[in-house]
Amino acid sequence: MFGYVRPNRDELKVRELRDYEALYCGLCHALGRRHGFFARFFLNYDFTFLAMLLDGSKPTAEQKRCPARLWCRKKGCICAGSVDAAADAGTILSYWKLRDTVADGPFWKGTAARVLSFLLRPGYRRAAQARPEFDRAVRSCLEELQALEQEGSPSLDRTADTFARILAAAALPAQSSARTRALEQLLYHVGRWIYLVDAWDDLEEDGRTGSYNPIAARFPEQVEANRDYLRTTLLHSLNLARSACALLELGHWQGAVENILYLGLPMVEELVFTGRWKAVNHQNRRRIS
């Protein structure tokens, strides 16, 4: 996926940061256990956020050897239901994102994505067997999104809505239909935010390669002049995600999820819109491991 959905670590409580890191490690182990070692390479913060939303119960943790640093033993979070579901969803999303790059990306990027998708395919097939409805939803929405991209759609709402429905489909059915709806709405608006932030982040590269970019298609001559408009629509999505979160009882993960929605995402958005995101992300990408 993208890796934009992360907390403001400086504002997390010590316990929240410890458990967040344990969940990240537990998700890495779940990816390896369920979908093979190669699936671990696609681990990112977005999947960790999904795991927190799917299960609010207090996790247990056990010492596990880190596959990236075999001499290091770290606490890995054990909450099998949500972690496994997030691992399945993440593998499906990663596979179809690679296939999308094969179809639409420039030659060398598409070639690399073809090789990576081939290596991930066994893990993807296992994940699709575990979550067939989600797999169908991702495939359907990406086909719709590809059609919009091929026609050069100038509509931010249509393209962002199509991507947002992918993330909304990751919600597991809950005992309460009200909880399911709130969770779907939270994921939908976070998905919309991700899509538009990523589009802004990729403006320069897409312009250089001639790839479709929804923001450039919407404002072909005045992208910078519409910066405030884009920030406003992003804030609208964040506010709707926060409203949906207020309807959910997230138990143990309440503080960490609220940190992400109120502090982490605005922090990332500011870095992206000021052009500092790629440098900061490169410096910090191994910080949690």
C-alpha atoms as a PDB file:
ATOM      1  CA  MET A   1       0.000   0.000   0.000  1.00  0.00           C
ATOM      2  CA  PHE A   2       1.171   3.532   0.722  1.00  0.00           C
ATOM      3  CA  GLY A   3       2.383   3.931   4.313  1.00  0.00           C
ATOM      4  CA  TYR A   4       0.799   7.333   4.967  1.00  0.00           C
ATOM      5  CA  VAL A   5      -1.366   6.181   7.893  1.00  0.00           C
ATOM      6  CA  ARG A   6       0.928   6.489  10.873  1.00  0.00           C
ATOM      7  CA  PRO A   7       0.895   8.022  14.348  1.00  0.00           C
ATOM      8  CA  ASN A   8       2.680  11.056  15.649  1.00  0.00           C
ATOM      9  CA  ARG A   9       5.057   8.990  17.760  1.00  0.00           C
ATOM     10  CA  ASP A  10       6.155  11.920  19.919  1.00  0.00           C
ATOM     11  CA  GLU A  11       2.584  12.300  21.205  1.00  0.00           C
ATOM     12  CA  LEU A  12       1.903   8.619  21.974  1.00  0.00           C
ATOM     13  CA  LYS A  13       1.996   7.477  25.581  1.00  0.00           C
ATOM     14  CA  VAL A  14       4.807   5.080  26.452  1.00  0.00           C
ATOM     15  CA  ARG A  15       2.370   2.139  26.690  1.00  0.00           C
ATOM     16  CA  GLU A  16       0.684   3.088  23.412  1.00  0.00           C
ATOM     17  CA  LEU A  17       3.998   3.279  21.573  1.00  0.00           C
ATOM     18  CA  ARG A  18       5.152  -0.038  23.042  1.00  0.00           C
ATOM     19  CA  ASP A  19       1.945  -1.799  22.031  1.00  0.00           C
ATOM     20  CA  TYR A  20       1.909  -0.162  18.593  1.00  0.00           C
ATOM     21  CA  GLU A  21       5.411  -1.451  17.896  1.00  0.00           C
ATOM     22  CA  ALA A  22       4.441  -4.895  19.203  1.00  0.00           C
ATOM     23  CA  LEU A  23       1.428  -4.930  16.883  1.00  0.00           C
ATOM     24  CA  TYR A  24       3.625  -3.951  13.944  1.00  0.00           C
ATOM     25  CA  CYS A  25       5.988  -6.819  14.754  1.00  0.00           C
ATOM     26  CA  GLY A  26       3.097  -9.234  15.262  1.00  0.00           C
ATOM     27  CA  LEU A  27       1.694  -8.289  11.872  1.00  0.00           C
ATOM     28  CA  CYS A  28       5.070  -8.969  10.273  1.00  0.00           C
ATOM     29  CA  HIS A  29       5.085 -12.456  11.786  1.00  0.00           C
ATOM     30  CA  ALA A  30       1.477 -13.037  10.690  1.00  0.00           C
ATOM     31  CA  LEU A  31       2.384 -12.122   7.110  1.00  0.00           C
ATOM     32  CA  GLY A  32       5.262 -14.595   7.139  1.00  0.00           C
ATOM     33  CA  ARG A  33       3.258 -17.353   8.812  1.00  0.00           C
ATOM     34  CA  ARG A  34       0.192 -17.036   6.594  1.00  0.00           C
ATOM     35  CA  HIS A  35       1.572 -15.895   3.249  1.00  0.00           C
ATOM     36  CA  GLY A  36       5.279 -16.675   3.140  1.00  0.00           C
ATOM     37  CA  PHE A  37       8.459 -14.794   3.909  1.00  0.00           C
ATOM     38  CA  PHE A  38       8.241 -12.568   0.826  1.00  0.00           C
ATOM     39  CA  ALA A  39       4.922 -11.084   1.996  1.00  0.00           C
ATOM     40  CA  ARG A  40       6.782  -9.460   4.906  1.00  0.00           C
ATOM     41  CA  PHE A  41       8.390  -7.009   2.479  1.00  0.00           C
ATOM     42  CA  PHE A  42       4.992  -5.364   1.933  1.00  0.00           C
ATOM     43  CA  LEU A  43       4.359  -4.633   5.612  1.00  0.00           C
ATOM     44  CA  ASN A  44       3.551  -0.994   6.342  1.00  0.00           C
ATOM     45  CA  TYR A  45       1.807   1.277   8.815  1.00  0.00           C
ATOM     46  CA  ASP A  46      -1.534   1.203   6.978  1.00  0.00           C
ATOM     47  CA  PHE A  47      -2.005  -2.487   7.812  1.00  0.00           C
ATOM     48  CA  THR A  48      -1.209  -1.808  11.471  1.00  0.00           C
ATOM     49  CA  PHE A  49      -3.962   0.815  11.597  1.00  0.00           C
ATOM     50  CA  LEU A  50      -6.398  -1.695  10.093  1.00  0.00           C
ATOM     51  CA  ALA A  51      -5.458  -4.327  12.694  1.00  0.00           C
ATOM     52  CA  MET A  52      -6.184  -1.867  15.517  1.00  0.00           C
ATOM     53  CA  LEU A  53      -9.614  -1.062  14.102  1.00  0.00           C
ATOM     54  CA  LEU A  54     -10.627  -4.696  13.702  1.00  0.00           C
ATOM     55  CA  ASP A  55     -10.076  -5.719  17.333  1.00  0.00           C
ATOM     56  CA  GLY A  56     -10.190  -3.471  20.391  1.00  0.00           C
ATOM     57  CA  SER A  57      -9.326  -6.140  22.951  1.00  0.00           C
ATOM     58  CA  LYS A  58      -6.150  -5.902  24.993  1.00  0.00           C
ATOM     59  CA  PRO A  59      -3.453  -7.887  23.184  1.00  0.00           C
ATOM     60  CA  THR A  60      -1.028 -10.372  24.596  1.00  0.00           C
ATOM     61  CA  ALA A  61       2.585 -10.356  23.501  1.00  0.00           C
ATOM     62  CA  GLU A  62       5.461 -12.779  23.426  1.00  0.00           C
ATOM     63  CA  GLN A  63       9.139 -12.492  22.584  1.00  0.00           C
ATOM     64  CA  LYS A  64       9.844 -13.311  18.943  1.00  0.00           C
ATOM     65  CA  ARG A  65      13.038 -13.284  16.944  1.00  0.00           C
ATOM     66  CA  CYS A  66      13.041 -10.484  14.381  1.00  0.00           C
ATOM     67  CA  PRO A  67      13.474 -11.893  10.830  1.00  0.00           C
ATOM     68  CA  ALA A  68      15.264  -8.697   9.763  1.00  0.00           C
ATOM     69  CA  ARG A  69      17.670  -8.837  12.720  1.00  0.00           C
ATOM     70  CA  LEU A  70      18.061 -12.444  13.754  1.00  0.00           C
ATOM     71  CA  TRP A  71      20.132 -11.521  16.809  1.00  0.00           C
ATOM     72  CA  CYS A  72      17.275  -9.369  18.109  1.00  0.00           C
ATOM     73  CA  ARG A  73      14.268 -10.618  20.066  1.00  0.00           C
ATOM     74  CA  LYS A  74      11.286  -8.267  20.245  1.00  0.00           C
ATOM     75  CA  LYS A  75       7.791  -8.382  21.652  1.00  0.00           C
ATOM     76  CA  GLY A  76       5.296  -9.432  19.009  1.00  0.00           C
ATOM     77  CA  CYS A  77       1.600  -8.771  19.504  1.00  0.00           C
ATOM     78  CA  ILE A  78      -0.716 -11.786  19.552  1.00  0.00           C
ATOM     79  CA  CYS A  79      -4.343 -11.008  18.729  1.00  0.00           C
ATOM     80  CA  ALA A  80      -4.909 -13.582  16.058  1.00  0.00           C
ATOM     81  CA  GLY A  81      -8.263 -12.488  14.666  1.00  0.00           C
ATOM     82  CA  SER A  82      -7.496  -8.885  13.777  1.00  0.00           C
ATOM     83  CA  VAL A  83      -3.821  -9.387  12.959  1.00  0.00           C
ATOM     84  CA  ASP A  84      -4.548 -12.296  10.614  1.00  0.00           C
ATOM     85  CA  ALA A  85      -7.404 -10.396   8.939  1.00  0.00           C
ATOM     86  CA  ALA A  86      -5.169  -7.351   8.451  1.00  0.00           C
ATOM     87  CA  ALA A  87      -2.391  -9.571   7.056  1.00  0.00           C
ATOM     88  CA  ASP A  88      -4.833 -11.114   4.571  1.00  0.00           C
ATOM     89  CA  ALA A  89      -6.213  -7.733   3.490  1.00  0.00           C
ATOM     90  CA  GLY A  90      -2.749  -6.224   3.201  1.00  0.00           C
ATOM     91  CA  THR A  91      -1.488  -9.045   1.000  1.00  0.00           C
ATOM     92  CA  ILE A  92      -4.503  -8.759  -1.305  1.00  0.00           C
ATOM     93  CA  LEU A  93      -4.110  -4.986  -1.567  1.00  0.00           C
ATOM     94  CA  SER A  94      -0.367  -5.245  -2.210  1.00  0.00           C
ATOM     95  CA  TYR A  95      -0.846  -7.823  -4.969  1.00  0.00           C
ATOM     96  CA  TRP A  96      -3.500  -5.842  -6.815  1.00  0.00           C
ATOM     97  CA  LYS A  97      -1.542  -2.603  -6.466  1.00  0.00           C
ATOM     98  CA  LEU A  98       1.373  -4.360  -8.173  1.00  0.00           C
ATOM     99  CA  ARG A  99      -0.913  -5.635 -10.933  1.00  0.00           C
ATOM    100  CA  ASP A 100      -2.266  -2.104 -11.371  1.00  0.00           C
ATOM    101  CA  THR A 101       1.300  -0.845 -11.795  1.00  0.00           C
ATOM    102  CA  VAL A 102       1.946  -3.566 -14.387  1.00  0.00           C
ATOM    103  CA  ALA A 103      -1.071  -2.359 -16.371  1.00  0.00           C
ATOM    104  CA  ASP A 104      -0.522   1.399 -16.110  1.00  0.00           C
ATOM    105  CA  GLY A 105       3.036   2.100 -14.984  1.00  0.00           C
ATOM    106  CA  PRO A 106       6.041   3.070 -17.125  1.00  0.00           C
ATOM    107  CA  PHE A 107       8.069   0.224 -18.629  1.00  0.00           C
ATOM    108  CA  TRP A 108      10.750  -0.338 -15.993  1.00  0.00           C
ATOM    109  CA  LYS A 109       8.415   0.249 -13.070  1.00  0.00           C
ATOM    110  CA  GLY A 110       5.869  -2.086 -14.658  1.00  0.00           C
ATOM    111  CA  THR A 111       8.520  -4.744 -15.235  1.00  0.00           C
ATOM    112  CA  ALA A 112       9.619  -4.614 -11.595  1.00  0.00           C
ATOM    113  CA  ALA A 113       5.979  -4.825 -10.466  1.00  0.00           C
ATOM    114  CA  ARG A 114       5.439  -7.860 -12.708  1.00  0.00           C
ATOM    115  CA  VAL A 115       8.329  -9.701 -11.042  1.00  0.00           C
ATOM    116  CA  LEU A 116       7.195  -8.728  -7.537  1.00  0.00           C
ATOM    117  CA  SER A 117       3.586  -9.745  -8.202  1.00  0.00           C
ATOM    118  CA  PHE A 118       4.796 -13.131  -9.456  1.00  0.00           C
ATOM    119  CA  LEU A 119       6.737 -13.662  -6.217  1.00  0.00           C
ATOM    120  CA  LEU A 120       3.773 -12.541  -4.102  1.00  0.00           C
ATOM    121  CA  ARG A 121       1.200 -14.621  -6.008  1.00  0.00           C
ATOM    122  CA  PRO A 122       1.300 -17.743  -3.749  1.00  0.00           C
ATOM    123  CA  GLY A 123       0.675 -15.574  -0.682  1.00  0.00           C
ATOM    124  CA  TYR A 124      -2.035 -13.648  -2.499  1.00  0.00           C
ATOM    125  CA  ARG A 125      -3.863 -16.861  -3.399  1.00  0.00           C
ATOM    126  CA  ARG A 126      -3.900 -17.937   0.247  1.00  0.00           C
ATOM    127  CA  ALA A 127      -5.151 -14.507   1.318  1.00  0.00           C
ATOM    128  CA  ALA A 128      -7.864 -14.526  -1.362  1.00  0.00           C
ATOM    129  CA  GLN A 129      -9.070 -17.910  -0.117  1.00  0.00           C
ATOM    130  CA  ALA A 130      -9.316 -16.501   3.409  1.00  0.00           C
ATOM    131  CA  ARG A 131     -11.119 -13.293   2.330  1.00  0.00           C
ATOM    132  CA  PRO A 132     -12.774 -13.954  -1.057  1.00  0.00           C
ATOM    133  CA  GLU A 133     -15.348 -11.162  -0.765  1.00  0.00           C
ATOM    134  CA  PHE A 134     -12.677  -8.568  -0.089  1.00  0.00           C
ATOM    135  CA  ASP A 135     -10.599  -9.870  -2.991  1.00  0.00           C
ATOM    136  CA  ARG A 136     -13.574  -9.503  -5.343  1.00  0.00           C
ATOM    137  CA  ALA A 137     -14.247  -5.981  -4.074  1.00  0.00           C
ATOM    138  CA  VAL A 138     -10.629  -4.916  -4.627  1.00  0.00           C
ATOM    139  CA  ARG A 139     -10.546  -6.408  -8.115  1.00  0.00           C
ATOM    140  CA  SER A 140     -13.853  -4.778  -9.086  1.00  0.00           C
ATOM    141  CA  CYS A 141     -12.931  -1.333  -7.761  1.00  0.00           C
ATOM    142  CA  LEU A 142      -9.490  -1.383  -9.382  1.00  0.00           C
ATOM    143  CA  GLU A 143     -11.021  -2.306 -12.740  1.00  0.00           C
ATOM    144  CA  GLU A 144     -13.375   0.647 -12.328  1.00  0.00           C
ATOM    145  CA  LEU A 145     -10.476   2.896 -11.334  1.00  0.00           C
ATOM    146  CA  GLN A 146      -8.402   1.765 -14.329  1.00  0.00           C
ATOM    147  CA  ALA A 147     -11.295   2.639 -16.645  1.00  0.00           C
ATOM    148  CA  LEU A 148     -11.503   6.130 -15.134  1.00  0.00           C
ATOM    149  CA  GLU A 149      -7.749   6.585 -15.493  1.00  0.00           C
ATOM    150  CA  GLN A 150      -7.750   5.425 -19.114  1.00  0.00           C
ATOM    151  CA  GLU A 151     -10.424   7.958 -20.017  1.00  0.00           C
ATOM    152  CA  GLY A 152      -8.447  10.652 -18.177  1.00  0.00           C
ATOM    153  CA  SER A 153     -11.304  11.406 -15.793  1.00  0.00           C
ATOM    154  CA  PRO A 154     -11.103  14.967 -14.420  1.00  0.00           C
ATOM    155  CA  SER A 155     -13.369  14.075 -11.475  1.00  0.00           C
ATOM    156  CA  LEU A 156     -11.595  13.882  -8.129  1.00  0.00           C
ATOM    157  CA  ASP A 157     -14.765  12.625  -6.471  1.00  0.00           C
ATOM    158  CA  ARG A 158     -15.292   9.658  -8.813  1.00  0.00           C
ATOM    159  CA  THR A 159     -11.701   8.437  -8.674  1.00  0.00           C
ATOM    160  CA  ALA A 160     -11.277   9.018  -4.927  1.00  0.00           C
ATOM    161  CA  ASP A 161     -14.633   7.343  -4.225  1.00  0.00           C
ATOM    162  CA  THR A 162     -13.613   4.246  -6.171  1.00  0.00           C
ATOM    163  CA  PHE A 163     -10.388   3.871  -4.203  1.00  0.00           C
ATOM    164  CA  ALA A 164     -12.092   4.672  -0.890  1.00  0.00           C
ATOM    165  CA  ARG A 165     -14.567   1.826  -1.429  1.00  0.00           C
ATOM    166  CA  ILE A 166     -11.619  -0.577  -1.535  1.00  0.00           C
ATOM    167  CA  LEU A 167     -10.548   0.336   1.977  1.00  0.00           C
ATOM    168  CA  ALA A 168     -14.133   0.368   3.255  1.00  0.00           C
ATOM    169  CA  ALA A 169     -14.489  -3.234   2.061  1.00  0.00           C
ATOM    170  CA  ALA A 170     -11.679  -4.248   4.449  1.00  0.00           C
ATOM    171  CA  ALA A 171     -14.045  -3.881   7.420  1.00  0.00           C
ATOM    172  CA  LEU A 172     -15.030  -7.210   8.934  1.00  0.00           C
ATOM    173  CA  PRO A 173     -18.734  -7.710   9.745  1.00  0.00           C
ATOM    174  CA  ALA A 174     -19.316  -6.908  13.425  1.00  0.00           C
ATOM    175  CA  GLN A 175     -21.974  -8.179  15.807  1.00  0.00           C
ATOM    176  CA  SER A 176     -23.611  -4.757  15.576  1.00  0.00           C
ATOM    177  CA  SER A 177     -24.638  -3.435  12.165  1.00  0.00           C
ATOM    178  CA  ALA A 178     -24.121   0.094  13.506  1.00  0.00           C
ATOM    179  CA  ARG A 179     -20.482  -0.718  14.326  1.00  0.00           C
ATOM    180  CA  THR A 180     -19.965  -2.204  10.867  1.00  0.00           C
ATOM    181  CA  ARG A 181     -21.348   0.932   9.202  1.00  0.00           C
ATOM    182  CA  ALA A 182     -19.217   3.235  11.357  1.00  0.00           C
ATOM    183  CA  LEU A 183     -16.087   1.188  10.643  1.00  0.00           C
ATOM    184  CA  GLU A 184     -16.808   1.202   6.909  1.00  0.00           C
ATOM    185  CA  GLN A 185     -17.274   4.980   6.981  1.00  0.00           C
ATOM    186  CA  LEU A 186     -14.040   5.499   8.902  1.00  0.00           C
ATOM    187  CA  LEU A 187     -12.085   3.358   6.442  1.00  0.00           C
ATOM    188  CA  TYR A 188     -13.832   4.958   3.463  1.00  0.00           C
ATOM    189  CA  HIS A 189     -12.833   8.489   4.407  1.00  0.00           C
ATOM    190  CA  VAL A 190      -9.296   7.472   5.370  1.00  0.00           C
ATOM    191  CA  GLY A 191      -9.084   5.749   1.973  1.00  0.00           C
ATOM    192  CA  ARG A 192     -10.258   8.914   0.223  1.00  0.00           C
ATOM    193  CA  TRP A 193      -7.659  10.918   2.148  1.00  0.00           C
ATOM    194  CA  ILE A 194      -4.909   8.426   1.179  1.00  0.00           C
ATOM    195  CA  TYR A 195      -5.817   8.589  -2.504  1.00  0.00           C
ATOM    196  CA  LEU A 196      -5.724  12.387  -2.708  1.00  0.00           C
ATOM    197  CA  VAL A 197      -2.571  12.768  -0.604  1.00  0.00           C
ATOM    198  CA  ASP A 198      -0.831  10.167  -2.754  1.00  0.00           C
ATOM    199  CA  ALA A 199      -1.967  11.978  -5.908  1.00  0.00           C
ATOM    200  CA  TRP A 200      -0.390  15.223  -4.673  1.00  0.00           C
ATOM    201  CA  ASP A 201       2.759  13.372  -3.619  1.00  0.00           C
ATOM    202  CA  ASP A 202       3.082  11.862  -7.122  1.00  0.00           C
ATOM    203  CA  LEU A 203       2.372  15.051  -9.112  1.00  0.00           C
ATOM    204  CA  GLU A 204       5.967  15.675 -10.139  1.00  0.00           C
ATOM    205  CA  GLU A 205       6.750  12.054 -11.018  1.00  0.00           C
ATOM    206  CA  ASP A 206       3.489  11.567 -12.923  1.00  0.00           C
ATOM    207  CA  GLY A 207       4.122  14.755 -14.885  1.00  0.00           C
ATOM    208  CA  ARG A 208       7.593  13.527 -15.796  1.00  0.00           C
ATOM    209  CA  THR A 209       6.417  10.062 -16.911  1.00  0.00           C
ATOM    210  CA  GLY A 210       3.119  11.144 -18.443  1.00  0.00           C
ATOM    211  CA  SER A 211       1.111   8.950 -16.067  1.00  0.00           C
ATOM    212  CA  TYR A 212      -2.457   9.787 -15.108  1.00  0.00           C
ATOM    213  CA  ASN A 213      -2.829  11.924 -12.010  1.00  0.00           C
ATOM    214  CA  PRO A 214      -6.339  12.891 -10.840  1.00  0.00           C
ATOM    215  CA  ILE A 215      -5.256  16.287  -9.505  1.00  0.00           C
ATOM    216  CA  ALA A 216      -3.434  17.208 -12.716  1.00  0.00           C
ATOM    217  CA  ALA A 217      -6.455  16.036 -14.716  1.00  0.00           C
ATOM    218  CA  ARG A 218      -8.797  18.166 -12.598  1.00  0.00           C
ATOM    219  CA  PHE A 219      -6.576  21.270 -12.611  1.00  0.00           C
ATOM    220  CA  PRO A 220      -4.388  20.966 -15.728  1.00  0.00           C
ATOM    221  CA  GLU A 221      -3.215  24.590 -15.661  1.00  0.00           C
ATOM    222  CA  GLN A 222      -3.650  25.704 -12.047  1.00  0.00           C
ATOM    223  CA  VAL A 223      -2.573  22.957  -9.667  1.00  0.00           C
ATOM    224  CA  GLU A 224      -0.791  25.234  -7.185  1.00  0.00           C
ATOM    225  CA  ALA A 225      -3.649  27.730  -7.251  1.00  0.00           C
ATOM    226  CA  ASN A 226      -5.967  25.010  -5.967  1.00  0.00           C
ATOM    227  CA  ARG A 227      -3.760  23.863  -3.093  1.00  0.00           C
ATOM    228  CA  ASP A 228      -6.135  25.349  -0.499  1.00  0.00           C
ATOM    229  CA  TYR A 229      -9.129  23.679  -2.130  1.00  0.00           C
ATOM    230  CA  LEU A 230      -7.402  20.302  -1.892  1.00  0.00           C
ATOM    231  CA  ARG A 231      -6.411  20.874   1.731  1.00  0.00           C
ATOM    232  CA  THR A 232     -10.044  21.732   2.490  1.00  0.00           C
ATOM    233  CA  THR A 233     -11.415  18.553   0.919  1.00  0.00           C
ATOM    234  CA  LEU A 234      -8.778  16.520   2.771  1.00  0.00           C
ATOM    235  CA  LEU A 235      -9.811  18.130   6.058  1.00  0.00           C
ATOM    236  CA  HIS A 236     -13.432  17.295   5.255  1.00  0.00           C
ATOM    237  CA  SER A 237     -12.520  13.618   4.817  1.00  0.00           C
ATOM    238  CA  LEU A 238     -10.533  13.613   8.059  1.00  0.00           C
ATOM    239  CA  ASN A 239     -13.410  15.181   9.974  1.00  0.00           C
ATOM    240  CA  LEU A 240     -15.835  12.556   8.674  1.00  0.00           C
ATOM    241  CA  ALA A 241     -13.387   9.789   9.616  1.00  0.00           C
ATOM    242  CA  ARG A 242     -13.091  11.275  13.112  1.00  0.00           C
ATOM    243  CA  SER A 243     -16.878  11.454  13.429  1.00  0.00           C
ATOM    244  CA  ALA A 244     -17.131   7.773  12.512  1.00  0.00           C
ATOM    245  CA  CYS A 245     -14.384   6.951  15.020  1.00  0.00           C
ATOM    246  CA  ALA A 246     -16.380   8.682  17.765  1.00  0.00           C
ATOM    247  CA  LEU A 247     -19.139   6.110  17.211  1.00  0.00           C
ATOM    248  CA  LEU A 248     -16.768   3.177  17.732  1.00  0.00           C
ATOM    249  CA  GLU A 249     -15.589   1.573  20.947  1.00  0.00           C
ATOM    250  CA  LEU A 250     -11.978   0.710  20.125  1.00  0.00           C
ATOM    251  CA  GLY A 251     -10.988  -0.456  23.588  1.00  0.00           C
ATOM    252  CA  HIS A 252      -7.265  -0.867  24.061  1.00  0.00           C
ATOM    253  CA  TRP A 253      -6.391   0.910  20.812  1.00  0.00           C
ATOM    254  CA  GLN A 254      -8.579   4.010  21.295  1.00  0.00           C
ATOM    255  CA  GLY A 255      -5.702   6.343  22.136  1.00  0.00           C
ATOM    256  CA  ALA A 256      -3.458   5.179  19.302  1.00  0.00           C
ATOM    257  CA  VAL A 257      -6.243   5.402  16.701  1.00  0.00           C
ATOM    258  CA  GLU A 258      -7.188   8.910  17.837  1.00  0.00           C
ATOM    259  CA  ASN A 259      -3.519   9.914  17.711  1.00  0.00           C
ATOM    260  CA  ILE A 260      -3.386   8.791  14.078  1.00  0.00           C
ATOM    261  CA  LEU A 261      -6.598  10.567  13.066  1.00  0.00           C
ATOM    262  CA  TYR A 262      -5.999  13.836  14.929  1.00  0.00           C
ATOM    263  CA  LEU A 263      -2.198  14.138  14.862  1.00  0.00           C
ATOM    264  CA  GLY A 264      -0.539  11.570  12.610  1.00  0.00           C
ATOM    265  CA  LEU A 265      -2.476  12.124   9.385  1.00  0.00           C
ATOM    266  CA  PRO A 266      -2.318  15.955   9.588  1.00  0.00           C
ATOM    267  CA  MET A 267       1.443  15.641  10.213  1.00  0.00           C
ATOM    268  CA  VAL A 268       1.894  13.449   7.128  1.00  0.00           C
ATOM    269  CA  GLU A 269      -0.314  15.723   5.020  1.00  0.00           C
ATOM    270  CA  GLU A 270       1.756  18.761   5.986  1.00  0.00           C
ATOM    271  CA  LEU A 271       4.980  16.949   5.059  1.00  0.00           C
ATOM    272  CA  VAL A 272       3.544  15.928   1.681  1.00  0.00           C
ATOM    273  CA  PHE A 273       2.245  19.397   0.804  1.00  0.00           C
ATOM    274  CA  THR A 274       5.514  21.081   1.819  1.00  0.00           C
ATOM    275  CA  GLY A 275       7.581  18.629  -0.229  1.00  0.00           C
ATOM    276  CA  ARG A 276       9.389  17.099   2.754  1.00  0.00           C
ATOM    277  CA  TRP A 277       7.577  13.760   2.934  1.00  0.00           C
ATOM    278  CA  LYS A 278       9.859  11.612   0.775  1.00  0.00           C
ATOM    279  CA  ALA A 279      13.006  12.757   2.584  1.00  0.00           C
ATOM    280  CA  VAL A 280      11.506  12.311   6.063  1.00  0.00           C
ATOM    281  CA  ASN A 281       9.981   8.952   5.142  1.00  0.00           C
ATOM    282  CA  HIS A 282      13.310   7.734   3.767  1.00  0.00           C
ATOM    283  CA  GLN A 283      15.106   8.703   6.979  1.00  0.00           C
ATOM    284  CA  ASN A 284      12.533   7.109   9.276  1.00  0.00           C
ATOM    285  CA  ARG A 285      11.377   4.041   7.338  1.00  0.00           C
ATOM    286  CA  ARG A 286      13.348   1.658   9.563  1.00  0.00           C
ATOM    287  CA  ARG A 287      12.777   3.491  12.821  1.00  0.00           C
ATOM    288  CA  ILE A 288      10.057   1.179  14.116  1.00  0.00           C
ATOM    289  CA  SER A 289      11.924  -2.041  13.290  1.00  0.00           C
END
